[in-house]
Amino acid sequence: MTKTRIIEIWVGLFVAAGLATLFMLAMKVSNLTEFRDMDQGYRLLAKFRNIGTLKIRAPVKTAGVVIGRVADIRLDQDRYEAVVEMQITNPEYKLPEDTIASIYTSGLLGEQYIALEPGGSFDYLKPGDEIEITQPALVLEELIGKFMVKTTENSGTNE
């Protein structure tokens, strides 16, 4: 084998490893590696006034630990609220009945996730139960709009 042939094989292996790494990175970023967990555990419901940009397969966290994923999002046509169905992946994770569900954003422009803050109740949520206490997502554009209106009002009174 000539020296050129050996170099070509090494370059081919390097390119193949790079493509495999890019594929694994794309799977990780898109949360597609978590598909296998979506059929295990149990489901809970929560209704929110505004879910912002929350998406299906967004993480559900307790104390920063991912314990599940958003399985479905739909609209309650009677109350005009978003109904979010969460899949808690491990059936051993038990949440008290007075758990609070909030929608937060990872960083300033990161993805949104649901944070569950367990309460102090001794009774636990059962599969299919609804979390009664929810906090909607903070929409950045709405906050900026309120700030701009407040600033405009204050500058009008100072003149």
C-alpha atoms as a PDB file:
ATOM      1  CA  MET A   1       0.000   0.000   0.000  1.00  0.00           C
ATOM      2  CA  THR A   2       1.339   3.363  -0.899  1.00  0.00           C
ATOM      3  CA  LYS A   3       1.704   6.193   1.555  1.00  0.00           C
ATOM      4  CA  THR A   4      -0.958   8.236  -0.303  1.00  0.00           C
ATOM      5  CA  ARG A   5      -3.513   5.434   0.097  1.00  0.00           C
ATOM      6  CA  ILE A   6      -2.924   5.285   3.870  1.00  0.00           C
ATOM      7  CA  ILE A   7      -3.411   9.061   4.161  1.00  0.00           C
ATOM      8  CA  GLU A   8      -6.662   8.814   2.170  1.00  0.00           C
ATOM      9  CA  ILE A   9      -7.996   6.107   4.506  1.00  0.00           C
ATOM     10  CA  TRP A  10      -7.175   8.229   7.574  1.00  0.00           C
ATOM     11  CA  VAL A  11      -8.859  11.266   6.055  1.00  0.00           C
ATOM     12  CA  GLY A  12     -11.936   9.134   5.245  1.00  0.00           C
ATOM     13  CA  LEU A  13     -12.074   7.840   8.837  1.00  0.00           C
ATOM     14  CA  PHE A  14     -11.703  11.397  10.173  1.00  0.00           C
ATOM     15  CA  VAL A  15     -14.558  12.652   7.977  1.00  0.00           C
ATOM     16  CA  ALA A  16     -16.769   9.699   9.005  1.00  0.00           C
ATOM     17  CA  ALA A  17     -16.086  10.387  12.697  1.00  0.00           C
ATOM     18  CA  GLY A  18     -16.918  14.075  12.160  1.00  0.00           C
ATOM     19  CA  LEU A  19     -20.224  13.225  10.462  1.00  0.00           C
ATOM     20  CA  ALA A  20     -21.124  10.784  13.257  1.00  0.00           C
ATOM     21  CA  THR A  21     -20.375  13.481  15.832  1.00  0.00           C
ATOM     22  CA  LEU A  22     -22.565  16.022  14.002  1.00  0.00           C
ATOM     23  CA  PHE A  23     -25.402  13.471  13.826  1.00  0.00           C
ATOM     24  CA  MET A  24     -25.161  12.746  17.567  1.00  0.00           C
ATOM     25  CA  LEU A  25     -25.093  16.490  18.325  1.00  0.00           C
ATOM     26  CA  ALA A  26     -28.197  17.066  16.197  1.00  0.00           C
ATOM     27  CA  MET A  27     -30.014  14.231  18.004  1.00  0.00           C
ATOM     28  CA  LYS A  28     -29.041  15.667  21.391  1.00  0.00           C
ATOM     29  CA  VAL A  29     -30.087  19.236  20.541  1.00  0.00           C
ATOM     30  CA  SER A  30     -33.459  18.125  19.168  1.00  0.00           C
ATOM     31  CA  ASN A  31     -34.203  15.897  22.199  1.00  0.00           C
ATOM     32  CA  LEU A  32     -34.862  12.929  19.899  1.00  0.00           C
ATOM     33  CA  THR A  33     -32.719  10.684  22.083  1.00  0.00           C
ATOM     34  CA  GLU A  34     -35.438  10.875  24.761  1.00  0.00           C
ATOM     35  CA  PHE A  35     -38.074   9.110  22.628  1.00  0.00           C
ATOM     36  CA  ARG A  36     -37.655   5.837  24.449  1.00  0.00           C
ATOM     37  CA  ASP A  37     -38.722   7.427  27.740  1.00  0.00           C
ATOM     38  CA  MET A  38     -42.030   8.749  26.400  1.00  0.00           C
ATOM     39  CA  ASP A  39     -43.899   5.475  26.925  1.00  0.00           C
ATOM     40  CA  GLN A  40     -42.735   4.840  30.505  1.00  0.00           C
ATOM     41  CA  GLY A  41     -44.061   6.300  33.751  1.00  0.00           C
ATOM     42  CA  TYR A  42     -47.297   8.236  34.060  1.00  0.00           C
ATOM     43  CA  ARG A  43     -48.969  11.376  32.723  1.00  0.00           C
ATOM     44  CA  LEU A  44     -50.106  14.557  34.480  1.00  0.00           C
ATOM     45  CA  LEU A  45     -52.083  17.523  33.189  1.00  0.00           C
ATOM     46  CA  ALA A  46     -51.689  21.241  33.836  1.00  0.00           C
ATOM     47  CA  LYS A  47     -53.577  24.215  32.413  1.00  0.00           C
ATOM     48  CA  PHE A  48     -51.776  27.473  31.719  1.00  0.00           C
ATOM     49  CA  ARG A  49     -53.071  30.886  30.691  1.00  0.00           C
ATOM     50  CA  ASN A  50     -50.014  31.359  28.439  1.00  0.00           C
ATOM     51  CA  ILE A  51     -47.342  28.776  27.524  1.00  0.00           C
ATOM     52  CA  GLY A  52     -45.101  31.140  25.523  1.00  0.00           C
ATOM     53  CA  THR A  53     -42.983  29.014  23.183  1.00  0.00           C
ATOM     54  CA  LEU A  54     -43.197  25.773  25.140  1.00  0.00           C
ATOM     55  CA  LYS A  55     -42.922  22.804  22.775  1.00  0.00           C
ATOM     56  CA  ILE A  56     -43.677  19.107  22.839  1.00  0.00           C
ATOM     57  CA  ARG A  57     -40.716  17.136  24.298  1.00  0.00           C
ATOM     58  CA  ALA A  58     -39.622  20.141  26.403  1.00  0.00           C
ATOM     59  CA  PRO A  59     -38.119  19.031  29.726  1.00  0.00           C
ATOM     60  CA  VAL A  60     -40.121  18.766  32.954  1.00  0.00           C
ATOM     61  CA  LYS A  61     -37.827  19.448  35.898  1.00  0.00           C
ATOM     62  CA  THR A  62     -37.970  19.233  39.657  1.00  0.00           C
ATOM     63  CA  ALA A  63     -35.086  20.850  41.551  1.00  0.00           C
ATOM     64  CA  GLY A  64     -33.269  21.130  38.202  1.00  0.00           C
ATOM     65  CA  VAL A  65     -33.472  17.386  37.535  1.00  0.00           C
ATOM     66  CA  VAL A  66     -35.256  16.277  34.362  1.00  0.00           C
ATOM     67  CA  ILE A  67     -38.022  13.914  35.476  1.00  0.00           C
ATOM     68  CA  GLY A  68     -40.121  13.945  32.323  1.00  0.00           C
ATOM     69  CA  ARG A  69     -41.093  15.560  29.051  1.00  0.00           C
ATOM     70  CA  VAL A  70     -44.036  17.482  27.645  1.00  0.00           C
ATOM     71  CA  ALA A  71     -46.078  14.865  25.792  1.00  0.00           C
ATOM     72  CA  ASP A  72     -48.894  16.955  24.323  1.00  0.00           C
ATOM     73  CA  ILE A  73     -50.166  20.536  24.136  1.00  0.00           C
ATOM     74  CA  ARG A  74     -53.719  21.405  23.182  1.00  0.00           C
ATOM     75  CA  LEU A  75     -56.293  24.159  23.718  1.00  0.00           C
ATOM     76  CA  ASP A  76     -59.195  23.881  26.155  1.00  0.00           C
ATOM     77  CA  GLN A  77     -61.928  25.454  24.040  1.00  0.00           C
ATOM     78  CA  ASP A  78     -64.187  26.130  27.025  1.00  0.00           C
ATOM     79  CA  ARG A  79     -61.716  28.143  29.082  1.00  0.00           C
ATOM     80  CA  TYR A  80     -59.260  29.164  26.291  1.00  0.00           C
ATOM     81  CA  GLU A  81     -56.302  27.836  28.234  1.00  0.00           C
ATOM     82  CA  ALA A  82     -53.426  25.660  27.080  1.00  0.00           C
ATOM     83  CA  VAL A  83     -53.650  22.094  28.389  1.00  0.00           C
ATOM     84  CA  VAL A  84     -50.183  20.619  28.770  1.00  0.00           C
ATOM     85  CA  GLU A  85     -49.783  16.870  29.217  1.00  0.00           C
ATOM     86  CA  MET A  86     -46.556  15.849  30.920  1.00  0.00           C
ATOM     87  CA  GLN A  87     -45.016  12.382  30.877  1.00  0.00           C
ATOM     88  CA  ILE A  88     -43.199  11.686  34.144  1.00  0.00           C
ATOM     89  CA  THR A  89     -40.741   9.019  33.024  1.00  0.00           C
ATOM     90  CA  ASN A  90     -40.081   7.236  36.299  1.00  0.00           C
ATOM     91  CA  PRO A  91     -43.179   5.910  38.134  1.00  0.00           C
ATOM     92  CA  GLU A  92     -41.245   6.127  41.411  1.00  0.00           C
ATOM     93  CA  TYR A  93     -41.222   9.955  41.180  1.00  0.00           C
ATOM     94  CA  LYS A  94     -44.242  10.883  43.288  1.00  0.00           C
ATOM     95  CA  LEU A  95     -45.395  14.478  43.456  1.00  0.00           C
ATOM     96  CA  PRO A  96     -47.599  15.930  46.236  1.00  0.00           C
ATOM     97  CA  GLU A  97     -51.085  17.109  45.293  1.00  0.00           C
ATOM     98  CA  ASP A  98     -50.176  20.753  45.992  1.00  0.00           C
ATOM     99  CA  THR A  99     -47.319  20.779  43.468  1.00  0.00           C
ATOM    100  CA  ILE A 100     -46.897  24.054  41.551  1.00  0.00           C
ATOM    101  CA  ALA A 101     -46.176  23.934  37.798  1.00  0.00           C
ATOM    102  CA  SER A 102     -44.373  26.955  36.308  1.00  0.00           C
ATOM    103  CA  ILE A 103     -42.995  27.638  32.856  1.00  0.00           C
ATOM    104  CA  TYR A 104     -39.439  28.990  32.896  1.00  0.00           C
ATOM    105  CA  THR A 105     -36.813  29.748  30.282  1.00  0.00           C
ATOM    106  CA  SER A 106     -33.274  28.356  30.388  1.00  0.00           C
ATOM    107  CA  GLY A 107     -31.181  31.518  30.224  1.00  0.00           C
ATOM    108  CA  LEU A 108     -32.279  34.672  28.444  1.00  0.00           C
ATOM    109  CA  LEU A 109     -33.017  33.055  25.079  1.00  0.00           C
ATOM    110  CA  GLY A 110     -32.934  29.351  25.946  1.00  0.00           C
ATOM    111  CA  GLU A 111     -35.661  26.762  25.586  1.00  0.00           C
ATOM    112  CA  GLN A 112     -38.660  26.795  27.861  1.00  0.00           C
ATOM    113  CA  TYR A 113     -39.341  24.032  30.339  1.00  0.00           C
ATOM    114  CA  ILE A 114     -41.826  23.189  33.068  1.00  0.00           C
ATOM    115  CA  ALA A 115     -40.573  23.395  36.637  1.00  0.00           C
ATOM    116  CA  LEU A 116     -42.518  21.426  39.233  1.00  0.00           C
ATOM    117  CA  GLU A 117     -42.200  22.652  42.807  1.00  0.00           C
ATOM    118  CA  PRO A 118     -43.487  20.015  45.241  1.00  0.00           C
ATOM    119  CA  GLY A 119     -45.685  21.192  48.094  1.00  0.00           C
ATOM    120  CA  GLY A 120     -46.095  19.705  51.540  1.00  0.00           C
ATOM    121  CA  SER A 121     -49.176  17.544  51.073  1.00  0.00           C
ATOM    122  CA  PHE A 122     -49.039  13.915  52.160  1.00  0.00           C
ATOM    123  CA  ASP A 123     -51.345  12.899  49.301  1.00  0.00           C
ATOM    124  CA  TYR A 124     -49.738  12.309  45.911  1.00  0.00           C
ATOM    125  CA  LEU A 125     -50.853  12.974  42.359  1.00  0.00           C
ATOM    126  CA  LYS A 126     -52.088   9.899  40.525  1.00  0.00           C
ATOM    127  CA  PRO A 127     -51.690   9.176  36.799  1.00  0.00           C
ATOM    128  CA  GLY A 128     -53.998  11.451  34.809  1.00  0.00           C
ATOM    129  CA  ASP A 129     -54.457  13.984  37.643  1.00  0.00           C
ATOM    130  CA  GLU A 130     -54.329  17.713  37.000  1.00  0.00           C
ATOM    131  CA  ILE A 131     -51.923  20.081  38.718  1.00  0.00           C
ATOM    132  CA  GLU A 132     -54.189  22.849  40.000  1.00  0.00           C
ATOM    133  CA  ILE A 133     -51.650  25.578  40.764  1.00  0.00           C
ATOM    134  CA  THR A 134     -49.866  26.854  37.660  1.00  0.00           C
ATOM    135  CA  GLN A 135     -47.813  29.901  36.751  1.00  0.00           C
ATOM    136  CA  PRO A 136     -47.823  30.972  33.065  1.00  0.00           C
ATOM    137  CA  ALA A 137     -44.752  31.763  31.015  1.00  0.00           C
ATOM    138  CA  LEU A 138     -43.285  35.247  31.124  1.00  0.00           C
ATOM    139  CA  VAL A 139     -43.329  36.584  27.593  1.00  0.00           C
ATOM    140  CA  LEU A 140     -40.328  38.850  27.033  1.00  0.00           C
ATOM    141  CA  GLU A 141     -42.083  40.945  24.379  1.00  0.00           C
ATOM    142  CA  GLU A 142     -44.969  41.604  26.792  1.00  0.00           C
ATOM    143  CA  LEU A 143     -42.576  42.727  29.536  1.00  0.00           C
ATOM    144  CA  ILE A 144     -40.712  45.029  27.143  1.00  0.00           C
ATOM    145  CA  GLY A 145     -44.015  46.493  25.994  1.00  0.00           C
ATOM    146  CA  LYS A 146     -45.095  47.214  29.568  1.00  0.00           C
ATOM    147  CA  PHE A 147     -41.707  48.772  30.297  1.00  0.00           C
ATOM    148  CA  MET A 148     -41.937  50.999  27.222  1.00  0.00           C
ATOM    149  CA  VAL A 149     -45.465  52.154  28.134  1.00  0.00           C
ATOM    150  CA  LYS A 150     -44.403  52.866  31.725  1.00  0.00           C
ATOM    151  CA  THR A 151     -41.324  54.780  30.539  1.00  0.00           C
ATOM    152  CA  THR A 152     -43.409  56.805  28.102  1.00  0.00           C
ATOM    153  CA  GLU A 153     -45.958  57.647  30.805  1.00  0.00           C
ATOM    154  CA  ASN A 154     -43.240  58.758  33.224  1.00  0.00           C
ATOM    155  CA  SER A 155     -41.495  60.934  30.641  1.00  0.00           C
ATOM    156  CA  GLY A 156     -44.847  62.573  29.783  1.00  0.00           C
ATOM    157  CA  THR A 157     -45.484  63.564  33.409  1.00  0.00           C
ATOM    158  CA  ASN A 158     -41.983  65.025  33.892  1.00  0.00           C
ATOM    159  CA  GLU A 159     -42.390  67.584  31.102  1.00  0.00           C
END
